[in-house]
Amino acid sequence: MSISLQTAKQAIITALNDFDAELGRRASEILYNDDRLNIAEVTTAQTSMMACRPAGITIDDLKAMGMYMSDYEEKYGPHFTQQSNPEDYAIIDFEYDGTEGSFKYLAHELGHAIADDMQREQGRSFRDFSLDDLEQQAYFVQTIVADHVKQSTMGYNLDENLLKLSFDRCCQVQDANKAFDSALKASPNDRSRMISEIMAGRAERDVTDVAIVSKSSNIPQMR
């Protein structure tokens, strides 16, 4: 089954909007803003690029963490050439091939971008958060979408179990699932508060486990 990029965007926005209107609004503003998306829609993945460049990440950040790639363009070009991001908003780099995995990871990277926005609104940045917190934020959004797929009657026909599994990051996934279950049971006001705490309220100053990490292939962004 091939899922068009447009269908994926709308499904993700609908899922987040049904869970929390503010999350839905943020998702729509990102997924329909070409400045914030660097997406190549392909039939067969060539680079498997799935990443989010947080606002303000620099080459010095990448070098300091040992994540700068001198052959980045050779590996991921010609569509993906930038490791840094001088903009004041996160940018999603993505090679979308219409698979269920691609749909899943788009929701995940969107989670990073939403969290980055919310953190900056609180005067924070990706540098203030541990990797565990950053991944939990992305998995939280991914879990909302996966649950919507499971409950949906809109005919997406996707495997919700596949959607929930990612890169063997069991602890972050479990924490995100617990946070989702708690938020699901909460009143609308409490749910909004909980979302804010999950996505932007767990800053840890002086952390050294910065979010310039890769899930695979040493791609130096939030993945």
C-alpha atoms as a PDB file:
ATOM      1  CA  MET A   1       0.000   0.000   0.000  1.00  0.00           C
ATOM      2  CA  SER A   2       1.399   3.378  -1.001  1.00  0.00           C
ATOM      3  CA  ILE A   3       0.424   6.426   1.055  1.00  0.00           C
ATOM      4  CA  SER A   4       0.771   9.748  -0.734  1.00  0.00           C
ATOM      5  CA  LEU A   5       2.553  12.548   1.062  1.00  0.00           C
ATOM      6  CA  GLN A   6      -0.626  14.636   1.022  1.00  0.00           C
ATOM      7  CA  THR A   7      -2.610  11.781   2.594  1.00  0.00           C
ATOM      8  CA  ALA A   8       0.066  11.288   5.223  1.00  0.00           C
ATOM      9  CA  LYS A   9       0.090  14.975   6.134  1.00  0.00           C
ATOM     10  CA  GLN A  10      -3.683  15.126   6.472  1.00  0.00           C
ATOM     11  CA  ALA A  11      -3.845  11.903   8.490  1.00  0.00           C
ATOM     12  CA  ILE A  12      -1.201  13.160  10.917  1.00  0.00           C
ATOM     13  CA  ILE A  13      -2.860  16.562  11.307  1.00  0.00           C
ATOM     14  CA  THR A  14      -6.269  14.951  11.858  1.00  0.00           C
ATOM     15  CA  ALA A  15      -4.858  12.591  14.480  1.00  0.00           C
ATOM     16  CA  LEU A  16      -3.163  15.384  16.417  1.00  0.00           C
ATOM     17  CA  ASN A  17      -6.107  17.754  16.109  1.00  0.00           C
ATOM     18  CA  ASP A  18      -8.491  15.116  17.457  1.00  0.00           C
ATOM     19  CA  PHE A  19      -6.186  14.604  20.429  1.00  0.00           C
ATOM     20  CA  ASP A  20      -5.459  18.274  21.113  1.00  0.00           C
ATOM     21  CA  ALA A  21      -6.424  21.255  18.967  1.00  0.00           C
ATOM     22  CA  GLU A  22      -3.176  23.082  19.700  1.00  0.00           C
ATOM     23  CA  LEU A  23      -1.082  20.129  18.577  1.00  0.00           C
ATOM     24  CA  GLY A  24      -3.172  19.947  15.416  1.00  0.00           C
ATOM     25  CA  ARG A  25      -2.666  23.645  14.746  1.00  0.00           C
ATOM     26  CA  ARG A  26       1.082  23.349  15.185  1.00  0.00           C
ATOM     27  CA  ALA A  27       1.242  20.292  12.956  1.00  0.00           C
ATOM     28  CA  SER A  28      -0.684  22.045  10.198  1.00  0.00           C
ATOM     29  CA  GLU A  29       1.513  25.137  10.375  1.00  0.00           C
ATOM     30  CA  ILE A  30       4.641  23.002   9.950  1.00  0.00           C
ATOM     31  CA  LEU A  31       3.413  20.468   7.399  1.00  0.00           C
ATOM     32  CA  TYR A  32       1.963  23.132   5.116  1.00  0.00           C
ATOM     33  CA  ASN A  33       4.915  25.510   5.315  1.00  0.00           C
ATOM     34  CA  ASP A  34       7.398  24.834   2.520  1.00  0.00           C
ATOM     35  CA  ASP A  35      10.091  26.767   4.377  1.00  0.00           C
ATOM     36  CA  ARG A  36       9.995  24.151   7.123  1.00  0.00           C
ATOM     37  CA  LEU A  37       9.966  21.062   4.935  1.00  0.00           C
ATOM     38  CA  ASN A  38      12.764  19.705   2.802  1.00  0.00           C
ATOM     39  CA  ILE A  39      10.943  16.629   1.520  1.00  0.00           C
ATOM     40  CA  ALA A  40      11.741  14.537  -1.528  1.00  0.00           C
ATOM     41  CA  GLU A  41       8.736  12.399  -2.501  1.00  0.00           C
ATOM     42  CA  VAL A  42      10.092   9.276  -4.205  1.00  0.00           C
ATOM     43  CA  THR A  43       8.862   5.820  -5.160  1.00  0.00           C
ATOM     44  CA  THR A  44      11.971   4.061  -3.845  1.00  0.00           C
ATOM     45  CA  ALA A  45      14.138   5.421  -1.040  1.00  0.00           C
ATOM     46  CA  GLN A  46      17.722   6.163  -2.004  1.00  0.00           C
ATOM     47  CA  THR A  47      19.138   7.897   1.076  1.00  0.00           C
ATOM     48  CA  SER A  48      16.606   7.018   3.812  1.00  0.00           C
ATOM     49  CA  MET A  49      16.880  10.574   5.086  1.00  0.00           C
ATOM     50  CA  MET A  50      14.537  11.123   8.041  1.00  0.00           C
ATOM     51  CA  ALA A  51      15.698  13.938  10.297  1.00  0.00           C
ATOM     52  CA  CYS A  52      14.849  17.229  11.953  1.00  0.00           C
ATOM     53  CA  ARG A  53      17.357  20.062  12.099  1.00  0.00           C
ATOM     54  CA  PRO A  54      16.548  22.074  15.212  1.00  0.00           C
ATOM     55  CA  ALA A  55      16.481  25.836  15.010  1.00  0.00           C
ATOM     56  CA  GLY A  56      19.916  27.396  15.243  1.00  0.00           C
ATOM     57  CA  ILE A  57      22.033  24.269  15.073  1.00  0.00           C
ATOM     58  CA  THR A  58      25.510  25.157  13.807  1.00  0.00           C
ATOM     59  CA  ILE A  59      28.503  23.407  12.286  1.00  0.00           C
ATOM     60  CA  ASP A  60      30.338  24.141  15.533  1.00  0.00           C
ATOM     61  CA  ASP A  61      27.587  22.315  17.428  1.00  0.00           C
ATOM     62  CA  LEU A  62      28.040  19.338  15.154  1.00  0.00           C
ATOM     63  CA  LYS A  63      31.846  19.375  15.369  1.00  0.00           C
ATOM     64  CA  ALA A  64      31.759  19.728  19.142  1.00  0.00           C
ATOM     65  CA  MET A  65      29.718  16.557  19.339  1.00  0.00           C
ATOM     66  CA  GLY A  66      31.818  14.734  16.756  1.00  0.00           C
ATOM     67  CA  MET A  67      28.835  14.541  14.406  1.00  0.00           C
ATOM     68  CA  TYR A  68      29.965  16.747  11.543  1.00  0.00           C
ATOM     69  CA  MET A  69      30.156  14.816   8.259  1.00  0.00           C
ATOM     70  CA  SER A  70      32.589  16.078   5.655  1.00  0.00           C
ATOM     71  CA  ASP A  71      31.031  13.764   3.048  1.00  0.00           C
ATOM     72  CA  TYR A  72      27.452  14.672   3.907  1.00  0.00           C
ATOM     73  CA  GLU A  73      26.528  15.914   0.436  1.00  0.00           C
ATOM     74  CA  GLU A  74      28.097  12.875  -1.171  1.00  0.00           C
ATOM     75  CA  LYS A  75      25.995  10.571   1.002  1.00  0.00           C
ATOM     76  CA  TYR A  76      22.714  12.464   1.051  1.00  0.00           C
ATOM     77  CA  GLY A  77      22.794  14.883  -1.862  1.00  0.00           C
ATOM     78  CA  PRO A  78      21.728  16.332  -4.125  1.00  0.00           C
ATOM     79  CA  HIS A  79      18.481  16.974  -2.259  1.00  0.00           C
ATOM     80  CA  PHE A  80      19.926  16.976   1.266  1.00  0.00           C
ATOM     81  CA  THR A  81      23.015  19.156   1.568  1.00  0.00           C
ATOM     82  CA  GLN A  82      22.679  21.220   4.750  1.00  0.00           C
ATOM     83  CA  GLN A  83      23.754  19.949   8.170  1.00  0.00           C
ATOM     84  CA  SER A  84      23.284  23.234   9.990  1.00  0.00           C
ATOM     85  CA  ASN A  85      20.162  25.349  10.297  1.00  0.00           C
ATOM     86  CA  PRO A  86      20.551  29.120  10.750  1.00  0.00           C
ATOM     87  CA  GLU A  87      16.784  29.689  10.784  1.00  0.00           C
ATOM     88  CA  ASP A  88      14.763  30.364  13.927  1.00  0.00           C
ATOM     89  CA  TYR A  89      12.547  27.353  13.223  1.00  0.00           C
ATOM     90  CA  ALA A  90      13.187  23.626  12.902  1.00  0.00           C
ATOM     91  CA  ILE A  91      13.380  22.109   9.420  1.00  0.00           C
ATOM     92  CA  ILE A  92      12.396  18.547   8.550  1.00  0.00           C
ATOM     93  CA  ASP A  93      14.600  16.736   6.025  1.00  0.00           C
ATOM     94  CA  PHE A  94      12.805  13.694   4.666  1.00  0.00           C
ATOM     95  CA  GLU A  95      12.860  11.234   1.797  1.00  0.00           C
ATOM     96  CA  TYR A  96       9.233  10.131   1.649  1.00  0.00           C
ATOM     97  CA  ASP A  97       8.579   6.884  -0.239  1.00  0.00           C
ATOM     98  CA  GLY A  98       4.935   6.211   0.633  1.00  0.00           C
ATOM     99  CA  THR A  99       5.569   3.222   2.894  1.00  0.00           C
ATOM    100  CA  GLU A 100       4.057   2.733   6.346  1.00  0.00           C
ATOM    101  CA  GLY A 101       7.504   3.282   7.803  1.00  0.00           C
ATOM    102  CA  SER A 102       7.816   6.587   5.992  1.00  0.00           C
ATOM    103  CA  PHE A 103       4.401   7.655   7.306  1.00  0.00           C
ATOM    104  CA  LYS A 104       5.457   6.690  10.831  1.00  0.00           C
ATOM    105  CA  TYR A 105       8.759   8.524  10.769  1.00  0.00           C
ATOM    106  CA  LEU A 106       7.197  11.658   9.310  1.00  0.00           C
ATOM    107  CA  ALA A 107       5.022  11.810  12.434  1.00  0.00           C
ATOM    108  CA  HIS A 108       8.127  11.235  14.545  1.00  0.00           C
ATOM    109  CA  GLU A 109      10.183  14.005  12.945  1.00  0.00           C
ATOM    110  CA  LEU A 110       7.191  16.315  13.157  1.00  0.00           C
ATOM    111  CA  GLY A 111       7.179  15.606  16.883  1.00  0.00           C
ATOM    112  CA  HIS A 112      10.743  16.884  17.101  1.00  0.00           C
ATOM    113  CA  ALA A 113       9.821  20.033  15.173  1.00  0.00           C
ATOM    114  CA  ILE A 114       6.771  20.755  17.340  1.00  0.00           C
ATOM    115  CA  ALA A 115       8.802  20.238  20.501  1.00  0.00           C
ATOM    116  CA  ASP A 116      11.546  22.523  19.194  1.00  0.00           C
ATOM    117  CA  ASP A 117       8.976  25.280  18.589  1.00  0.00           C
ATOM    118  CA  MET A 118       7.475  24.905  22.044  1.00  0.00           C
ATOM    119  CA  GLN A 119      10.884  24.878  23.704  1.00  0.00           C
ATOM    120  CA  ARG A 120      11.948  28.067  21.951  1.00  0.00           C
ATOM    121  CA  GLU A 121       8.755  29.758  23.091  1.00  0.00           C
ATOM    122  CA  GLN A 122       9.915  29.002  26.632  1.00  0.00           C
ATOM    123  CA  GLY A 123      13.374  30.462  25.980  1.00  0.00           C
ATOM    124  CA  ARG A 124      15.003  27.048  25.609  1.00  0.00           C
ATOM    125  CA  SER A 125      16.584  25.075  22.805  1.00  0.00           C
ATOM    126  CA  PHE A 126      17.571  21.535  21.918  1.00  0.00           C
ATOM    127  CA  ARG A 127      20.811  22.098  23.846  1.00  0.00           C
ATOM    128  CA  ASP A 128      18.865  22.178  27.122  1.00  0.00           C
ATOM    129  CA  PHE A 129      17.348  18.702  26.799  1.00  0.00           C
ATOM    130  CA  SER A 130      18.653  15.191  27.174  1.00  0.00           C
ATOM    131  CA  LEU A 131      18.394  12.758  24.309  1.00  0.00           C
ATOM    132  CA  ASP A 132      15.883  10.692  26.281  1.00  0.00           C
ATOM    133  CA  ASP A 133      13.543  13.683  26.668  1.00  0.00           C
ATOM    134  CA  LEU A 134      13.871  14.692  23.021  1.00  0.00           C
ATOM    135  CA  GLU A 135      13.093  11.201  21.794  1.00  0.00           C
ATOM    136  CA  GLN A 136      10.191  10.804  24.192  1.00  0.00           C
ATOM    137  CA  GLN A 137       8.686  14.012  22.784  1.00  0.00           C
ATOM    138  CA  ALA A 138       8.880  12.685  19.229  1.00  0.00           C
ATOM    139  CA  TYR A 139       7.547   9.254  20.207  1.00  0.00           C
ATOM    140  CA  PHE A 140       4.702  10.920  22.089  1.00  0.00           C
ATOM    141  CA  VAL A 141       3.486  12.525  18.859  1.00  0.00           C
ATOM    142  CA  GLN A 142       4.117   9.308  16.938  1.00  0.00           C
ATOM    143  CA  THR A 143       2.046   7.347  19.491  1.00  0.00           C
ATOM    144  CA  ILE A 144      -0.875   9.753  19.163  1.00  0.00           C
ATOM    145  CA  VAL A 145      -0.863   9.178  15.413  1.00  0.00           C
ATOM    146  CA  ALA A 146      -0.505   5.401  15.815  1.00  0.00           C
ATOM    147  CA  ASP A 147      -3.483   5.263  18.174  1.00  0.00           C
ATOM    148  CA  HIS A 148      -5.559   7.336  15.764  1.00  0.00           C
ATOM    149  CA  VAL A 149      -4.717   4.921  12.961  1.00  0.00           C
ATOM    150  CA  LYS A 150      -5.838   2.039  15.178  1.00  0.00           C
ATOM    151  CA  GLN A 151      -9.141   3.721  16.030  1.00  0.00           C
ATOM    152  CA  SER A 152      -9.788   5.356  12.672  1.00  0.00           C
ATOM    153  CA  THR A 153     -12.576   4.468  10.287  1.00  0.00           C
ATOM    154  CA  MET A 154     -11.102   6.676   7.579  1.00  0.00           C
ATOM    155  CA  GLY A 155      -9.586   3.769   5.688  1.00  0.00           C
ATOM    156  CA  TYR A 156      -5.863   4.307   6.230  1.00  0.00           C
ATOM    157  CA  ASN A 157      -5.516   0.528   6.703  1.00  0.00           C
ATOM    158  CA  LEU A 158      -2.117   0.809   8.357  1.00  0.00           C
ATOM    159  CA  ASP A 159      -0.509  -1.546  10.843  1.00  0.00           C
ATOM    160  CA  GLU A 160      -0.582   0.316  14.153  1.00  0.00           C
ATOM    161  CA  ASN A 161       1.922  -2.117  15.667  1.00  0.00           C
ATOM    162  CA  LEU A 162       4.426  -1.292  12.954  1.00  0.00           C
ATOM    163  CA  LEU A 163       3.768   2.389  13.497  1.00  0.00           C
ATOM    164  CA  LYS A 164       4.680   2.140  17.180  1.00  0.00           C
ATOM    165  CA  LEU A 165       7.960   0.282  16.779  1.00  0.00           C
ATOM    166  CA  SER A 166      11.062   2.363  16.137  1.00  0.00           C
ATOM    167  CA  PHE A 167      14.790   1.765  16.221  1.00  0.00           C
ATOM    168  CA  ASP A 168      14.702  -0.404  19.377  1.00  0.00           C
ATOM    169  CA  ARG A 169      14.536   2.660  21.617  1.00  0.00           C
ATOM    170  CA  CYS A 170      12.440   0.775  24.115  1.00  0.00           C
ATOM    171  CA  CYS A 171      12.764   3.123  27.101  1.00  0.00           C
ATOM    172  CA  GLN A 172      11.776   6.235  25.188  1.00  0.00           C
ATOM    173  CA  VAL A 173       8.920   4.422  23.479  1.00  0.00           C
ATOM    174  CA  GLN A 174       7.629   3.059  26.787  1.00  0.00           C
ATOM    175  CA  ASP A 175       7.828   6.487  28.429  1.00  0.00           C
ATOM    176  CA  ALA A 176       6.021   8.054  25.482  1.00  0.00           C
ATOM    177  CA  ASN A 177       3.293   5.401  25.613  1.00  0.00           C
ATOM    178  CA  LYS A 178       2.808   5.990  29.342  1.00  0.00           C
ATOM    179  CA  ALA A 179       2.616   9.738  28.792  1.00  0.00           C
ATOM    180  CA  PHE A 180       0.089   9.199  26.016  1.00  0.00           C
ATOM    181  CA  ASP A 181      -2.086   6.947  28.189  1.00  0.00           C
ATOM    182  CA  SER A 182      -2.061   9.533  30.995  1.00  0.00           C
ATOM    183  CA  ALA A 183      -2.886  12.402  28.631  1.00  0.00           C
ATOM    184  CA  LEU A 184      -5.630  10.385  26.974  1.00  0.00           C
ATOM    185  CA  LYS A 185      -7.400   9.965  30.314  1.00  0.00           C
ATOM    186  CA  ALA A 186      -7.024  13.623  31.310  1.00  0.00           C
ATOM    187  CA  SER A 187      -9.535  16.443  30.925  1.00  0.00           C
ATOM    188  CA  PRO A 188      -8.916  18.840  28.016  1.00  0.00           C
ATOM    189  CA  ASN A 189      -7.288  21.462  30.258  1.00  0.00           C
ATOM    190  CA  ASP A 190      -5.118  18.918  32.054  1.00  0.00           C
ATOM    191  CA  ARG A 191      -4.224  17.313  28.750  1.00  0.00           C
ATOM    192  CA  SER A 192      -3.000  20.642  27.347  1.00  0.00           C
ATOM    193  CA  ARG A 193      -0.898  21.195  30.462  1.00  0.00           C
ATOM    194  CA  MET A 194       0.555  17.697  30.258  1.00  0.00           C
ATOM    195  CA  ILE A 195       1.422  18.138  26.585  1.00  0.00           C
ATOM    196  CA  SER A 196       3.243  21.375  27.371  1.00  0.00           C
ATOM    197  CA  GLU A 197       5.218  19.663  30.122  1.00  0.00           C
ATOM    198  CA  ILE A 198       6.144  16.736  27.899  1.00  0.00           C
ATOM    199  CA  MET A 199       7.139  18.801  24.884  1.00  0.00           C
ATOM    200  CA  ALA A 200       8.771  21.837  26.480  1.00  0.00           C
ATOM    201  CA  GLY A 201       8.782  21.611  30.260  1.00  0.00           C
ATOM    202  CA  ARG A 202      11.607  19.250  31.025  1.00  0.00           C
ATOM    203  CA  ALA A 203      14.610  21.379  30.247  1.00  0.00           C
ATOM    204  CA  GLU A 204      17.852  20.280  31.861  1.00  0.00           C
ATOM    205  CA  ARG A 205      20.480  22.997  31.842  1.00  0.00           C
ATOM    206  CA  ASP A 206      24.085  21.831  31.516  1.00  0.00           C
ATOM    207  CA  VAL A 207      23.196  18.481  29.965  1.00  0.00           C
ATOM    208  CA  THR A 208      25.951  17.059  27.802  1.00  0.00           C
ATOM    209  CA  ASP A 209      23.799  14.541  25.957  1.00  0.00           C
ATOM    210  CA  VAL A 210      22.834  17.019  23.260  1.00  0.00           C
ATOM    211  CA  ALA A 211      20.233  16.287  20.580  1.00  0.00           C
ATOM    212  CA  ILE A 212      22.732  16.222  17.754  1.00  0.00           C
ATOM    213  CA  VAL A 213      22.520  12.475  17.364  1.00  0.00           C
ATOM    214  CA  SER A 214      21.590   9.919  14.782  1.00  0.00           C
ATOM    215  CA  LYS A 215      19.492   6.788  14.794  1.00  0.00           C
ATOM    216  CA  SER A 216      21.478   5.314  11.939  1.00  0.00           C
ATOM    217  CA  SER A 217      24.114   6.150   9.341  1.00  0.00           C
ATOM    218  CA  ASN A 218      25.548   8.910  11.604  1.00  0.00           C
ATOM    219  CA  ILE A 219      23.100  11.498  10.318  1.00  0.00           C
ATOM    220  CA  PRO A 220      23.719  14.428  12.699  1.00  0.00           C
ATOM    221  CA  GLN A 221      20.246  15.685  13.507  1.00  0.00           C
ATOM    222  CA  MET A 222      17.418  14.853  15.840  1.00  0.00           C
ATOM    223  CA  ARG A 223      16.138  11.561  14.462  1.00  0.00           C
END
